Amino acid sequence: LPGGDGMNLILQTLVSTIVQGSMLALITIGMSLVYGTLRVLNMAQGVMVMLGGVAAYVTVANLGLSPWWALLIAAIVTFAFGVASYFIGVKPLVGKAGVDFEMTAFISTFAIATILQSVVLWVFGPRQKNFPELISGRIELTDGVSITWHQVLTAVIAIGMLAALGLFLTRSRYGLAITAVAQNLDAARLMGIPAKRVYVLTMGIASALAGVAGVLLAPVYFVSPNMGDLPLLQALIVVIFAGLGSVRGTVIAAYIIGFVQAAVSIFWSSTFALPVLYAIIVVVLIVRPYGIAGKPQEARL
């Protein structure tokens, strides 16, 4: 490659890595939180992205509010749906004798996601709906590389929310309770931490993070009943690569996966981005089945 073109491609890859990695981390960290506390692989995380996009569309198209209000409304709506999905599909299974909790809860959350997706399809129809960018325009980084202001904002909001979540988990009373339950459920219960309240809060927070991601993705993916399918698939790849339940590993893995996607798409072809990721996951599952930052786990619920 000529020097200038080569530098442009490298810069484009780095920019795409930051944007994609930040968004992947925002979506996936909720799955890691839920698995860390409940030992549930929450298959409703993708549909929460979609519900965030739908809530944003209703906020702008039907209520006539600014797209900025959509961020708050989508977070509230998806938090409520996350809490409801816990009470409907997970809580009845917790501690139930003779039940494979992880597998049953996995199926239950998948069923909830399918039902919610079908309801949205019935109410809003299958057609994709446009959603405006939160900030229009673009910025020229070099003669051959540019980025939209919405992409910049996406990365800033995602990184800001990840930082806020980190402070919440390490500095607040409820955040420390989530961390304690994730680290050792029995010890947390002995210390008087109400585990079931932690489960409710975790499901709500995880869904709210996905809902905000849905608003940020809406101008790119458009709003449709299927807009959460690809984010869910990418999130599953990230959590497997990171190790189920590892929050710090999830952030690292999200940026690694974001880099691989960007590099393959820019230097080779976007057609091969997902196949390359699948190949990486196969290798990880063979060499280190519990991920790059995970630890072998035993069933506990």
Protein backbone atom coordinates (compact mmCIF):
# COMPACT_ATOMS: atom_id res chain seq x y z
CA LEU A 1 0.00 0.00 0.00
CA PRO A 2 1.22 3.55 -0.64
CA GLY A 3 2.21 5.40 2.48
CA GLY A 4 -0.73 7.81 2.56
CA ASP A 5 -3.37 5.21 1.72
CA GLY A 6 -1.88 2.79 4.25
CA MET A 7 -2.04 5.39 7.04
CA ASN A 8 -5.63 6.25 6.10
CA LEU A 9 -6.62 2.58 6.33
CA ILE A 10 -4.92 2.23 9.71
CA LEU A 11 -6.62 5.39 11.00
CA GLN A 12 -9.98 4.19 9.67
CA THR A 13 -9.46 0.86 11.43
CA LEU A 14 -8.64 2.54 14.74
CA VAL A 15 -11.67 4.84 14.53
CA SER A 16 -13.97 1.92 13.68
CA THR A 17 -12.48 -0.11 16.53
CA ILE A 18 -13.26 2.60 19.08
CA VAL A 19 -16.83 3.10 17.84
CA GLN A 20 -17.71 -0.58 17.35
CA GLY A 21 -15.85 -1.74 20.45
CA SER A 22 -17.56 0.83 22.66
CA MET A 23 -20.99 -0.12 21.35
CA LEU A 24 -20.30 -3.85 21.72
CA ALA A 25 -19.11 -3.30 25.28
CA LEU A 26 -22.24 -1.31 26.15
CA ILE A 27 -24.53 -4.08 24.86
CA THR A 28 -22.52 -7.03 26.14
CA ILE A 29 -21.60 -5.85 29.62
CA GLY A 30 -25.25 -6.25 30.62
CA MET A 31 -25.12 -9.92 29.62
CA SER A 32 -21.99 -10.37 31.72
CA LEU A 33 -23.60 -8.68 34.73
CA VAL A 34 -26.67 -10.91 34.50
CA TYR A 35 -24.61 -14.05 34.11
CA GLY A 36 -22.29 -13.03 36.92
CA THR A 37 -25.12 -12.58 39.40
CA LEU A 38 -27.79 -15.05 38.22
CA ARG A 39 -25.81 -17.51 36.09
CA VAL A 40 -28.28 -16.83 33.29
CA LEU A 41 -27.28 -16.26 29.67
CA ASN A 42 -29.92 -13.62 28.98
CA MET A 43 -31.18 -14.13 25.44
CA ALA A 44 -33.51 -11.13 25.78
CA GLN A 45 -30.59 -8.68 25.63
CA GLY A 46 -30.89 -8.28 21.85
CA VAL A 47 -34.61 -7.60 21.97
CA MET A 48 -33.94 -4.90 24.59
CA VAL A 49 -31.78 -3.16 21.98
CA MET A 50 -34.76 -3.34 19.63
CA LEU A 51 -37.19 -2.06 22.29
CA GLY A 52 -34.86 0.86 22.93
CA GLY A 53 -34.99 1.71 19.24
CA VAL A 54 -38.78 1.37 19.16
CA ALA A 55 -39.18 3.54 22.27
CA ALA A 56 -36.95 6.15 20.65
CA TYR A 57 -38.99 6.06 17.43
CA VAL A 58 -42.27 6.51 19.34
CA THR A 59 -40.72 9.36 21.34
CA VAL A 60 -39.79 11.26 18.18
CA ALA A 61 -42.48 10.23 15.67
CA ASN A 62 -45.54 10.01 17.93
CA LEU A 63 -44.76 12.24 20.91
CA GLY A 64 -42.86 14.83 18.89
CA LEU A 65 -40.01 15.07 21.39
CA SER A 66 -36.32 15.57 20.67
CA PRO A 67 -34.15 12.50 19.92
CA TRP A 68 -32.19 13.43 23.04
CA TRP A 69 -35.25 12.70 25.16
CA ALA A 70 -35.33 9.29 23.50
CA LEU A 71 -32.18 8.25 25.36
CA LEU A 72 -33.82 8.76 28.75
CA ILE A 73 -37.21 7.32 27.76
CA ALA A 74 -35.64 4.25 26.13
CA ALA A 75 -33.55 3.60 29.25
CA ILE A 76 -36.63 3.81 31.50
CA VAL A 77 -38.78 1.64 29.22
CA THR A 78 -36.17 -1.09 28.79
CA PHE A 79 -35.33 -1.03 32.52
CA ALA A 80 -39.00 -1.76 33.18
CA PHE A 81 -39.06 -4.54 30.58
CA GLY A 82 -35.90 -6.03 32.07
CA VAL A 83 -37.44 -6.11 35.54
CA ALA A 84 -40.65 -7.60 34.13
CA SER A 85 -38.74 -10.29 32.25
CA TYR A 86 -37.04 -11.28 35.51
CA PHE A 87 -40.32 -11.63 37.40
CA ILE A 88 -42.03 -13.48 34.55
CA GLY A 89 -39.29 -15.71 33.17
CA VAL A 90 -36.52 -16.08 35.75
CA LYS A 91 -37.77 -15.62 39.31
CA PRO A 92 -40.15 -18.64 39.21
CA LEU A 93 -37.14 -20.85 38.39
CA VAL A 94 -34.71 -19.60 41.08
CA GLY A 95 -34.06 -22.29 43.66
CA LYS A 96 -36.68 -24.64 42.21
CA ALA A 97 -35.82 -28.26 42.96
CA GLY A 98 -35.24 -30.66 40.10
CA VAL A 99 -34.75 -27.89 37.54
CA ASP A 100 -31.63 -27.23 35.46
CA PHE A 101 -31.73 -23.51 36.23
CA GLU A 102 -29.22 -22.28 33.66
CA MET A 103 -30.74 -24.15 30.71
CA THR A 104 -34.35 -23.47 31.72
CA ALA A 105 -33.72 -19.77 32.29
CA PHE A 106 -31.85 -19.60 28.97
CA ILE A 107 -34.90 -21.01 27.19
CA SER A 108 -37.24 -18.79 29.19
CA THR A 109 -35.44 -15.55 28.26
CA PHE A 110 -35.30 -16.68 24.64
CA ALA A 111 -39.07 -17.25 24.72
CA ILE A 112 -39.65 -13.80 26.23
CA ALA A 113 -37.50 -12.24 23.50
CA THR A 114 -39.46 -14.06 20.78
CA ILE A 115 -42.81 -12.97 22.24
CA LEU A 116 -41.73 -9.32 22.54
CA GLN A 117 -40.36 -9.36 18.99
CA SER A 118 -43.64 -10.80 17.69
CA VAL A 119 -45.67 -8.16 19.54
CA VAL A 120 -43.57 -5.34 18.07
CA LEU A 121 -43.93 -6.90 14.61
CA TRP A 122 -47.72 -7.03 15.07
CA VAL A 123 -48.00 -3.45 16.36
CA PHE A 124 -45.48 -1.63 14.16
CA GLY A 125 -45.19 -3.92 11.15
CA PRO A 126 -42.07 -5.33 9.49
CA ARG A 127 -40.96 -2.21 7.62
CA GLN A 128 -37.81 -0.42 8.71
CA LYS A 129 -38.36 3.05 10.12
CA ASN A 130 -35.93 5.93 9.90
CA PHE A 131 -34.60 7.58 13.02
CA PRO A 132 -32.63 10.84 13.00
CA GLU A 133 -29.04 11.11 14.12
CA LEU A 134 -28.60 12.82 17.47
CA ILE A 135 -26.02 15.09 15.86
CA SER A 136 -25.90 15.54 12.09
CA GLY A 137 -22.84 16.18 9.94
CA ARG A 138 -19.40 14.66 9.81
CA ILE A 139 -15.82 15.55 10.58
CA GLU A 140 -12.89 15.05 8.20
CA LEU A 141 -9.97 13.45 10.02
CA THR A 142 -7.76 13.30 6.93
CA ASP A 143 -8.30 13.68 3.20
CA GLY A 144 -9.46 10.06 2.97
CA VAL A 145 -10.97 9.40 6.40
CA SER A 146 -14.08 10.95 7.89
CA ILE A 147 -16.45 10.11 10.72
CA THR A 148 -19.97 11.27 11.47
CA TRP A 149 -20.65 13.30 14.57
CA HIS A 150 -23.21 10.68 15.53
CA GLN A 151 -20.45 8.04 15.59
CA VAL A 152 -18.35 10.31 17.79
CA LEU A 153 -21.31 10.80 20.10
CA THR A 154 -21.97 7.03 20.13
CA ALA A 155 -18.44 6.33 21.33
CA VAL A 156 -18.54 9.15 23.90
CA ILE A 157 -21.89 8.07 25.38
CA ALA A 158 -20.91 4.39 25.41
CA ILE A 159 -17.56 5.04 27.10
CA GLY A 160 -19.20 7.45 29.55
CA MET A 161 -21.84 4.90 30.52
CA LEU A 162 -19.23 2.17 30.92
CA ALA A 163 -17.22 4.46 33.21
CA ALA A 164 -20.35 5.35 35.19
CA LEU A 165 -21.21 1.67 35.53
CA GLY A 166 -17.71 0.97 36.81
CA LEU A 167 -18.06 3.68 39.45
CA PHE A 168 -21.52 2.39 40.37
CA LEU A 169 -20.22 -1.16 40.85
CA THR A 170 -17.23 -0.11 42.95
CA ARG A 171 -18.46 2.95 44.88
CA SER A 172 -22.21 2.64 45.49
CA ARG A 173 -24.01 0.46 48.02
CA TYR A 174 -26.16 -1.29 45.43
CA GLY A 175 -23.26 -1.68 43.03
CA LEU A 176 -21.13 -3.31 45.71
CA ALA A 177 -24.06 -5.63 46.45
CA ILE A 178 -24.14 -6.71 42.79
CA THR A 179 -20.37 -7.27 42.85
CA ALA A 180 -20.60 -9.27 46.07
CA VAL A 181 -23.34 -11.55 44.75
CA ALA A 182 -21.39 -12.08 41.53
CA GLN A 183 -18.22 -13.00 43.44
CA ASN A 184 -19.72 -15.28 46.07
CA LEU A 185 -23.45 -15.77 46.48
CA ASP A 186 -23.30 -17.67 49.78
CA ALA A 187 -20.98 -15.15 51.43
CA ALA A 188 -23.15 -12.28 50.20
CA ARG A 189 -26.24 -13.87 51.73
CA LEU A 190 -24.42 -14.43 55.02
CA MET A 191 -23.57 -10.71 55.04
CA GLY A 192 -27.27 -9.89 54.76
CA ILE A 193 -27.33 -8.85 51.10
CA PRO A 194 -30.81 -9.48 49.61
CA ALA A 195 -29.80 -11.51 46.56
CA LYS A 196 -33.22 -11.44 44.91
CA ARG A 197 -33.30 -7.62 44.96
CA VAL A 198 -29.87 -7.68 43.38
CA TYR A 199 -31.20 -9.94 40.62
CA VAL A 200 -34.02 -7.49 39.86
CA LEU A 201 -31.68 -4.50 39.76
CA THR A 202 -29.15 -6.30 37.59
CA MET A 203 -31.73 -7.33 35.00
CA GLY A 204 -33.05 -3.78 34.90
CA ILE A 205 -29.63 -2.16 34.49
CA ALA A 206 -28.55 -4.65 31.82
CA SER A 207 -31.72 -3.97 29.83
CA ALA A 208 -31.39 -0.19 30.20
CA LEU A 209 -27.84 -0.29 28.84
CA ALA A 210 -29.09 -2.26 25.84
CA GLY A 211 -31.96 0.21 25.40
CA VAL A 212 -29.59 3.17 25.20
CA ALA A 213 -27.49 1.21 22.70
CA GLY A 214 -30.66 0.71 20.65
CA VAL A 215 -31.17 4.48 20.42
CA LEU A 216 -27.59 4.99 19.28
CA LEU A 217 -27.87 2.19 16.71
CA ALA A 218 -31.28 3.26 15.38
CA PRO A 219 -29.94 5.78 12.81
CA VAL A 220 -27.56 3.09 11.48
CA TYR A 221 -29.63 -0.13 11.64
CA PHE A 222 -33.04 1.59 11.32
CA VAL A 223 -35.88 0.68 13.68
CA SER A 224 -37.43 -2.71 12.99
CA PRO A 225 -38.43 -5.86 14.92
CA ASN A 226 -35.18 -7.51 13.85
CA MET A 227 -32.74 -4.71 14.68
CA GLY A 228 -31.56 -6.51 17.83
CA ASP A 229 -30.65 -9.79 16.13
CA LEU A 230 -27.15 -8.83 14.96
CA PRO A 231 -26.24 -7.05 18.24
CA LEU A 232 -27.30 -10.20 20.16
CA LEU A 233 -25.15 -12.39 17.93
CA GLN A 234 -22.16 -10.09 18.35
CA ALA A 235 -22.75 -9.92 22.11
CA LEU A 236 -22.73 -13.71 22.35
CA ILE A 237 -19.42 -13.79 20.51
CA VAL A 238 -17.98 -11.21 22.91
CA VAL A 239 -19.14 -12.94 26.12
CA ILE A 240 -17.84 -16.31 24.93
CA PHE A 241 -14.52 -14.73 24.00
CA ALA A 242 -14.32 -12.82 27.29
CA GLY A 243 -15.57 -15.53 29.60
CA LEU A 244 -19.10 -15.60 30.97
CA GLY A 245 -19.56 -13.26 33.91
CA SER A 246 -16.28 -11.36 33.54
CA VAL A 247 -17.16 -7.64 33.36
CA ARG A 248 -13.60 -6.42 32.87
CA GLY A 249 -12.93 -9.18 30.36
CA THR A 250 -16.06 -8.18 28.46
CA VAL A 251 -14.79 -4.65 27.88
CA ILE A 252 -11.40 -5.94 26.70
CA ALA A 253 -13.00 -8.56 24.48
CA ALA A 254 -15.43 -6.03 22.99
CA TYR A 255 -12.58 -3.85 21.75
CA ILE A 256 -10.64 -6.86 20.46
CA ILE A 257 -13.69 -8.08 18.55
CA GLY A 258 -14.35 -4.53 17.35
CA PHE A 259 -10.78 -4.36 16.04
CA VAL A 260 -11.05 -7.73 14.27
CA GLN A 261 -14.33 -6.71 12.62
CA ALA A 262 -12.94 -3.37 11.51
CA ALA A 263 -9.62 -4.76 10.26
CA VAL A 264 -11.19 -7.63 8.31
CA SER A 265 -13.83 -5.34 6.78
CA ILE A 266 -11.36 -2.62 5.78
CA PHE A 267 -8.33 -4.66 4.71
CA TRP A 268 -10.21 -7.66 3.28
CA SER A 269 -14.00 -7.67 2.93
CA SER A 270 -16.96 -7.09 5.22
CA THR A 271 -18.36 -10.39 3.91
CA PHE A 272 -15.73 -12.28 5.90
CA ALA A 273 -16.01 -10.31 9.16
CA LEU A 274 -18.44 -12.70 10.86
CA PRO A 275 -16.83 -15.91 9.54
CA VAL A 276 -13.47 -14.77 10.91
CA LEU A 277 -15.08 -14.05 14.30
CA TYR A 278 -16.68 -17.51 14.28
CA ALA A 279 -13.28 -19.05 13.56
CA ILE A 280 -11.77 -17.13 16.50
CA ILE A 281 -14.55 -18.32 18.80
CA VAL A 282 -13.99 -21.95 17.76
CA VAL A 283 -10.31 -21.60 18.61
CA VAL A 284 -11.10 -19.96 21.97
CA LEU A 285 -13.59 -22.70 22.85
CA ILE A 286 -11.00 -25.36 22.10
CA VAL A 287 -7.99 -23.72 23.76
CA ARG A 288 -9.68 -21.85 26.63
CA PRO A 289 -13.37 -22.81 26.93
CA TYR A 290 -14.03 -20.35 29.77
CA GLY A 291 -12.72 -17.35 27.81
CA ILE A 292 -9.72 -15.08 28.02
CA ALA A 293 -10.69 -13.61 31.40
CA GLY A 294 -13.19 -16.11 32.76
CA LYS A 295 -12.75 -18.83 35.31
CA PRO A 296 -14.18 -22.35 35.44
CA GLN A 297 -17.59 -22.15 37.10
CA GLU A 298 -19.84 -24.58 38.85
CA ALA A 299 -23.62 -24.45 38.86
CA ARG A 300 -24.87 -22.84 42.05
CA LEU A 301 -28.61 -22.14 41.70
